[in-house]
Each structure stands twice: as structure tokens, then as C-alpha cells.
Amino acid sequence: SDALLLASLLQKIQAKASAVELPDGCTGVMNFTVSMSGNSLSVSANCQSGTVIMSELDFALPHSDFVSTPSVIFDSRTGSASSVDIDICGSGHKFRVSVNKVAYVGKPSYLGSC
């Protein structure tokens, strides 16, 4: 269930980036950066006026931890994203959520035990 929650949140962030949604305090958003550590995920908007932390999108996986901690960047100007695989582990099971360079967030895939 954590992998599905993660994929859903990444899709929400991708939608904000593609809609060029401007968070408060931001002029001219360039991209949204998603950072992961432990079981936590945080989001910031990189704007022409500086970086704005989007704490309303902060999220903690209830039952899993991130195995890999890449940053994902959704570019508002080009509609692209950094191509990354995000692995999480919970209850001895490892799942992967992939984001490709055209900003498509894939469904979670099961990778076996961790």
C-alpha cells in the first residue's frame, strides 16, 4: 500500500508541475524537486524568485522506508522529469516506483524480499 501511496503522490506533484502551478511566494516556477530520506518525502518548487518549500506535500511512508533516495525533478518548462527508480522496503518486501524522462509515474512493481 505504501508503494501505491508513493506513486499517487508523485502523480499529484507531476500534475502540479505540468499545470505550472505557482505555490505561494513563487514567481515563475521552473521545476518541482522531490527529495527522499528514511521514510520521509519532501517537495520544493524552484522558482525564478528562489526556492519555496511545499510543506503541505511532505509525506511519511506509514510502513516502509526508502531503499534508494534519488531526487526526482519534474520540469515545468519542458514537461520532462529526471528518470529514476525509487525503491522502498516494508515488512520484508521491496517495491519499485519508476519515473521516466517524459514524467510518467509507473505503477509499483514487486522486486522480492529485502
N, C-alpha and C. Protein backbone atom coordinates (compact mmCIF):
# COMPACT_ATOMS: atom_id res chain seq x y z
N SER A 1 0.82 -1.20 0.00
CA SER A 1 0.00 0.00 0.00
C SER A 1 0.86 1.26 0.00
N ASP A 2 2.06 1.21 0.64
CA ASP A 2 2.93 2.38 0.66
C ASP A 2 3.41 2.73 -0.75
N ALA A 3 3.70 1.72 -1.55
CA ALA A 3 4.16 1.98 -2.92
C ALA A 3 3.06 2.64 -3.74
N LEU A 4 1.82 2.24 -3.53
CA LEU A 4 0.70 2.88 -4.22
C LEU A 4 0.52 4.32 -3.76
N LEU A 5 0.69 4.57 -2.46
CA LEU A 5 0.62 5.94 -1.94
C LEU A 5 1.71 6.81 -2.54
N LEU A 6 2.91 6.26 -2.64
CA LEU A 6 4.04 6.99 -3.21
C LEU A 6 3.77 7.33 -4.68
N ALA A 7 3.32 6.36 -5.46
CA ALA A 7 3.03 6.60 -6.87
C ALA A 7 1.95 7.66 -7.02
N SER A 8 0.93 7.61 -6.19
CA SER A 8 -0.16 8.58 -6.25
C SER A 8 0.34 9.99 -5.93
N LEU A 9 1.18 10.12 -4.92
CA LEU A 9 1.72 11.44 -4.57
C LEU A 9 2.62 11.97 -5.68
N LEU A 10 3.44 11.12 -6.26
CA LEU A 10 4.30 11.56 -7.36
C LEU A 10 3.47 12.01 -8.56
N GLN A 11 2.37 11.33 -8.82
CA GLN A 11 1.47 11.75 -9.91
C GLN A 11 0.86 13.12 -9.62
N LYS A 12 0.53 13.36 -8.36
CA LYS A 12 -0.03 14.65 -7.96
C LYS A 12 0.99 15.77 -8.17
N ILE A 13 2.24 15.52 -7.79
CA ILE A 13 3.30 16.51 -7.96
C ILE A 13 3.57 16.74 -9.44
N GLN A 14 3.56 15.68 -10.23
CA GLN A 14 3.77 15.81 -11.67
C GLN A 14 2.66 16.66 -12.28
N ALA A 15 1.44 16.48 -11.82
CA ALA A 15 0.32 17.27 -12.34
C ALA A 15 0.49 18.75 -11.99
N LYS A 16 0.97 19.04 -10.79
CA LYS A 16 1.23 20.43 -10.39
C LYS A 16 2.31 21.03 -11.29
N ALA A 17 3.34 20.26 -11.57
CA ALA A 17 4.42 20.76 -12.42
C ALA A 17 3.93 21.01 -13.85
N SER A 18 3.16 20.08 -14.40
CA SER A 18 2.72 20.25 -15.78
C SER A 18 1.69 21.37 -15.92
N ALA A 19 0.95 21.65 -14.83
CA ALA A 19 -0.01 22.74 -14.84
C ALA A 19 0.67 24.08 -14.54
N VAL A 20 1.97 24.03 -14.26
CA VAL A 20 2.77 25.19 -13.88
C VAL A 20 2.08 25.92 -12.72
N GLU A 21 1.70 25.13 -11.71
CA GLU A 21 1.06 25.67 -10.52
C GLU A 21 2.08 26.47 -9.72
N LEU A 22 1.72 27.67 -9.35
CA LEU A 22 2.62 28.54 -8.59
C LEU A 22 2.26 28.50 -7.11
N PRO A 23 3.15 27.94 -6.27
CA PRO A 23 2.88 27.98 -4.83
C PRO A 23 3.05 29.40 -4.31
N ASP A 24 2.50 29.68 -3.13
CA ASP A 24 2.65 30.99 -2.51
C ASP A 24 4.12 31.36 -2.40
N GLY A 25 4.43 32.59 -2.74
CA GLY A 25 5.81 33.08 -2.65
C GLY A 25 6.66 32.75 -3.85
N CYS A 26 6.06 32.22 -4.88
CA CYS A 26 6.82 31.78 -6.05
C CYS A 26 6.41 32.58 -7.28
N THR A 27 7.39 33.07 -7.98
CA THR A 27 7.12 33.68 -9.28
C THR A 27 7.90 32.90 -10.31
N GLY A 28 7.23 32.48 -11.35
CA GLY A 28 7.89 31.77 -12.44
C GLY A 28 8.50 30.44 -12.05
N VAL A 29 7.66 29.47 -11.66
CA VAL A 29 8.17 28.15 -11.27
C VAL A 29 8.91 27.50 -12.44
N MET A 30 10.05 26.91 -12.12
CA MET A 30 10.85 26.23 -13.13
C MET A 30 10.72 24.72 -13.00
N ASN A 31 10.74 24.21 -11.76
CA ASN A 31 10.57 22.78 -11.56
C ASN A 31 10.21 22.49 -10.11
N PHE A 32 9.77 21.26 -9.90
CA PHE A 32 9.46 20.77 -8.57
C PHE A 32 10.45 19.65 -8.27
N THR A 33 11.11 19.72 -7.11
CA THR A 33 12.07 18.71 -6.71
C THR A 33 11.50 17.91 -5.55
N VAL A 34 11.54 16.59 -5.69
CA VAL A 34 11.08 15.67 -4.66
C VAL A 34 12.32 14.99 -4.07
N SER A 35 12.50 15.12 -2.76
CA SER A 35 13.64 14.51 -2.07
C SER A 35 13.14 13.48 -1.07
N MET A 36 13.91 12.40 -0.91
CA MET A 36 13.52 11.31 -0.03
C MET A 36 14.65 10.93 0.92
N SER A 37 14.28 10.57 2.14
CA SER A 37 15.26 10.11 3.12
C SER A 37 14.52 9.34 4.21
N GLY A 38 15.07 8.19 4.59
CA GLY A 38 14.40 7.38 5.61
C GLY A 38 13.05 6.93 5.12
N ASN A 39 12.00 7.41 5.78
CA ASN A 39 10.64 7.13 5.31
C ASN A 39 9.93 8.41 4.87
N SER A 40 10.69 9.52 4.78
CA SER A 40 10.09 10.83 4.51
C SER A 40 10.36 11.33 3.10
N LEU A 41 9.41 12.10 2.61
CA LEU A 41 9.49 12.71 1.29
C LEU A 41 9.17 14.19 1.47
N SER A 42 9.94 15.05 0.81
CA SER A 42 9.67 16.49 0.85
C SER A 42 9.72 17.04 -0.56
N VAL A 43 9.02 18.17 -0.76
CA VAL A 43 8.89 18.76 -2.08
C VAL A 43 9.23 20.24 -2.00
N SER A 44 9.97 20.71 -2.99
CA SER A 44 10.23 22.14 -3.10
C SER A 44 10.00 22.58 -4.54
N ALA A 45 9.58 23.83 -4.68
CA ALA A 45 9.40 24.44 -6.00
C ALA A 45 10.59 25.35 -6.23
N ASN A 46 11.26 25.16 -7.33
CA ASN A 46 12.39 26.01 -7.68
C ASN A 46 11.85 27.07 -8.64
N CYS A 47 11.86 28.31 -8.16
CA CYS A 47 11.23 29.42 -8.86
C CYS A 47 12.28 30.42 -9.29
N GLN A 48 11.88 31.33 -10.15
CA GLN A 48 12.78 32.40 -10.55
C GLN A 48 13.13 33.27 -9.35
N SER A 49 12.21 33.34 -8.38
CA SER A 49 12.43 34.16 -7.19
C SER A 49 13.13 33.41 -6.06
N GLY A 50 13.47 32.14 -6.25
CA GLY A 50 14.12 31.33 -5.23
C GLY A 50 13.37 30.03 -4.99
N THR A 51 13.77 29.31 -3.97
CA THR A 51 13.17 28.02 -3.65
C THR A 51 12.08 28.18 -2.61
N VAL A 52 10.94 27.52 -2.86
CA VAL A 52 9.82 27.54 -1.93
C VAL A 52 9.56 26.11 -1.47
N ILE A 53 9.63 25.89 -0.17
CA ILE A 53 9.35 24.57 0.41
C ILE A 53 7.83 24.38 0.42
N MET A 54 7.39 23.24 -0.10
CA MET A 54 5.96 22.94 -0.17
C MET A 54 5.60 21.92 0.92
N SER A 55 5.60 22.39 2.17
CA SER A 55 5.41 21.50 3.31
C SER A 55 4.06 20.79 3.29
N GLU A 56 3.07 21.35 2.59
CA GLU A 56 1.77 20.68 2.51
C GLU A 56 1.85 19.36 1.75
N LEU A 57 2.94 19.14 1.01
CA LEU A 57 3.12 17.88 0.28
C LEU A 57 4.09 16.93 0.98
N ASP A 58 4.63 17.34 2.14
CA ASP A 58 5.51 16.44 2.90
C ASP A 58 4.73 15.17 3.22
N PHE A 59 5.44 14.05 3.22
CA PHE A 59 4.78 12.77 3.38
C PHE A 59 5.74 11.78 4.04
N ALA A 60 5.21 10.94 4.90
CA ALA A 60 5.99 9.86 5.50
C ALA A 60 5.31 8.54 5.18
N LEU A 61 6.08 7.59 4.66
CA LEU A 61 5.53 6.27 4.38
C LEU A 61 5.16 5.62 5.70
N PRO A 62 3.92 5.15 5.84
CA PRO A 62 3.48 4.61 7.13
C PRO A 62 4.17 3.30 7.54
N HIS A 63 4.53 2.45 6.54
CA HIS A 63 5.02 1.11 6.88
C HIS A 63 6.32 0.73 6.19
N SER A 64 6.96 1.68 5.50
CA SER A 64 8.14 1.36 4.69
C SER A 64 9.19 2.45 4.82
N ASP A 65 10.36 2.13 4.31
CA ASP A 65 11.46 3.09 4.22
C ASP A 65 11.96 3.11 2.78
N PHE A 66 12.54 4.23 2.40
CA PHE A 66 13.16 4.32 1.09
C PHE A 66 14.48 3.56 1.11
N VAL A 67 14.68 2.69 0.14
CA VAL A 67 15.95 1.96 -0.02
C VAL A 67 16.88 2.83 -0.84
N SER A 68 16.35 3.38 -1.91
CA SER A 68 17.11 4.31 -2.73
C SER A 68 16.55 5.71 -2.46
N THR A 69 17.42 6.70 -2.49
CA THR A 69 16.96 8.05 -2.16
C THR A 69 17.35 9.05 -3.25
N PRO A 70 16.93 8.78 -4.48
CA PRO A 70 17.23 9.75 -5.53
C PRO A 70 16.28 10.94 -5.42
N SER A 71 16.67 12.04 -5.97
CA SER A 71 15.76 13.17 -6.11
C SER A 71 15.05 13.03 -7.45
N VAL A 72 13.80 13.43 -7.47
CA VAL A 72 13.04 13.45 -8.71
C VAL A 72 12.76 14.91 -9.03
N ILE A 73 13.06 15.30 -10.25
CA ILE A 73 12.80 16.67 -10.67
C ILE A 73 11.78 16.66 -11.80
N PHE A 74 10.64 17.31 -11.55
CA PHE A 74 9.61 17.47 -12.57
C PHE A 74 9.77 18.87 -13.14
N ASP A 75 10.14 18.98 -14.40
CA ASP A 75 10.42 20.27 -15.03
C ASP A 75 9.13 20.86 -15.61
N SER A 76 8.74 22.01 -15.10
CA SER A 76 7.51 22.67 -15.56
C SER A 76 7.64 23.24 -16.96
N ARG A 77 8.84 23.60 -17.35
CA ARG A 77 9.04 24.25 -18.65
C ARG A 77 8.97 23.26 -19.80
N THR A 78 9.51 22.06 -19.59
CA THR A 78 9.59 21.08 -20.68
C THR A 78 8.61 19.91 -20.53
N GLY A 79 8.02 19.77 -19.34
CA GLY A 79 7.14 18.62 -19.10
C GLY A 79 7.90 17.33 -18.91
N SER A 80 9.20 17.42 -18.73
CA SER A 80 10.03 16.22 -18.54
C SER A 80 10.31 16.00 -17.06
N ALA A 81 11.02 14.92 -16.78
CA ALA A 81 11.39 14.60 -15.40
C ALA A 81 12.73 13.87 -15.42
N SER A 82 13.37 13.85 -14.26
CA SER A 82 14.56 13.01 -14.16
C SER A 82 14.09 11.57 -14.14
N SER A 83 14.76 10.72 -14.86
CA SER A 83 14.40 9.32 -14.95
C SER A 83 15.02 8.57 -13.77
N VAL A 84 14.17 8.08 -12.86
CA VAL A 84 14.68 7.42 -11.65
C VAL A 84 13.82 6.23 -11.26
N ASP A 85 14.43 5.33 -10.54
CA ASP A 85 13.74 4.22 -9.89
C ASP A 85 13.81 4.46 -8.39
N ILE A 86 12.67 4.42 -7.75
CA ILE A 86 12.59 4.64 -6.31
C ILE A 86 12.18 3.32 -5.67
N ASP A 87 13.06 2.77 -4.85
CA ASP A 87 12.79 1.51 -4.18
C ASP A 87 12.43 1.75 -2.73
N ILE A 88 11.40 1.04 -2.26
CA ILE A 88 11.03 1.10 -0.86
C ILE A 88 10.94 -0.32 -0.31
N CYS A 89 11.14 -0.44 0.99
CA CYS A 89 11.08 -1.75 1.64
C CYS A 89 10.20 -1.63 2.88
N GLY A 90 9.29 -2.57 3.01
CA GLY A 90 8.43 -2.64 4.18
C GLY A 90 7.97 -4.05 4.41
N SER A 91 7.98 -4.49 5.67
CA SER A 91 7.56 -5.85 6.04
C SER A 91 8.29 -6.91 5.23
N GLY A 92 9.57 -6.65 4.92
CA GLY A 92 10.38 -7.62 4.20
C GLY A 92 10.15 -7.68 2.70
N HIS A 93 9.34 -6.78 2.17
CA HIS A 93 9.04 -6.77 0.74
C HIS A 93 9.53 -5.47 0.10
N LYS A 94 10.13 -5.62 -1.08
CA LYS A 94 10.69 -4.47 -1.79
C LYS A 94 9.85 -4.17 -3.03
N PHE A 95 9.52 -2.88 -3.19
CA PHE A 95 8.76 -2.41 -4.33
C PHE A 95 9.51 -1.28 -5.01
N ARG A 96 9.24 -1.09 -6.29
CA ARG A 96 9.86 -0.01 -7.07
C ARG A 96 8.77 0.81 -7.76
N VAL A 97 8.93 2.14 -7.67
CA VAL A 97 8.12 3.09 -8.42
C VAL A 97 9.08 3.80 -9.35
N SER A 98 8.80 3.77 -10.64
CA SER A 98 9.69 4.39 -11.63
C SER A 98 9.06 5.65 -12.20
N VAL A 99 9.92 6.63 -12.43
CA VAL A 99 9.53 7.86 -13.12
C VAL A 99 10.41 7.92 -14.36
N ASN A 100 9.81 8.11 -15.54
CA ASN A 100 10.64 8.18 -16.74
C ASN A 100 10.84 9.62 -17.19
N LYS A 101 11.64 9.80 -18.23
CA LYS A 101 12.03 11.15 -18.64
C LYS A 101 10.89 11.98 -19.23
N VAL A 102 9.78 11.35 -19.58
CA VAL A 102 8.62 12.13 -20.04
C VAL A 102 7.63 12.34 -18.89
N ALA A 103 8.12 12.18 -17.66
CA ALA A 103 7.37 12.45 -16.42
C ALA A 103 6.24 11.47 -16.16
N TYR A 104 6.30 10.27 -16.74
CA TYR A 104 5.30 9.25 -16.46
C TYR A 104 5.69 8.52 -15.18
N VAL A 105 4.76 8.45 -14.24
CA VAL A 105 4.97 7.72 -12.99
C VAL A 105 4.32 6.36 -13.16
N GLY A 106 5.14 5.31 -13.13
CA GLY A 106 4.64 3.97 -13.34
C GLY A 106 3.98 3.38 -12.11
N LYS A 107 3.24 2.30 -12.33
CA LYS A 107 2.64 1.56 -11.22
C LYS A 107 3.75 0.84 -10.46
N PRO A 108 3.58 0.65 -9.16
CA PRO A 108 4.60 -0.06 -8.38
C PRO A 108 4.81 -1.48 -8.89
N SER A 109 6.06 -1.90 -8.86
CA SER A 109 6.37 -3.29 -9.22
C SER A 109 7.05 -3.97 -8.02
N TYR A 110 6.72 -5.24 -7.84
CA TYR A 110 7.28 -6.03 -6.74
C TYR A 110 8.65 -6.56 -7.14
N LEU A 111 9.65 -6.37 -6.27
CA LEU A 111 11.00 -6.81 -6.57
C LEU A 111 11.47 -8.00 -5.76
N GLY A 112 10.64 -8.45 -4.82
CA GLY A 112 11.03 -9.58 -3.99
C GLY A 112 11.28 -9.12 -2.55
N SER A 113 12.05 -9.92 -1.85
CA SER A 113 12.29 -9.60 -0.44
C SER A 113 13.44 -8.61 -0.28
N CYS A 114 13.47 -7.97 0.86
CA CYS A 114 14.55 -7.02 1.16
C CYS A 114 15.07 -7.24 2.57
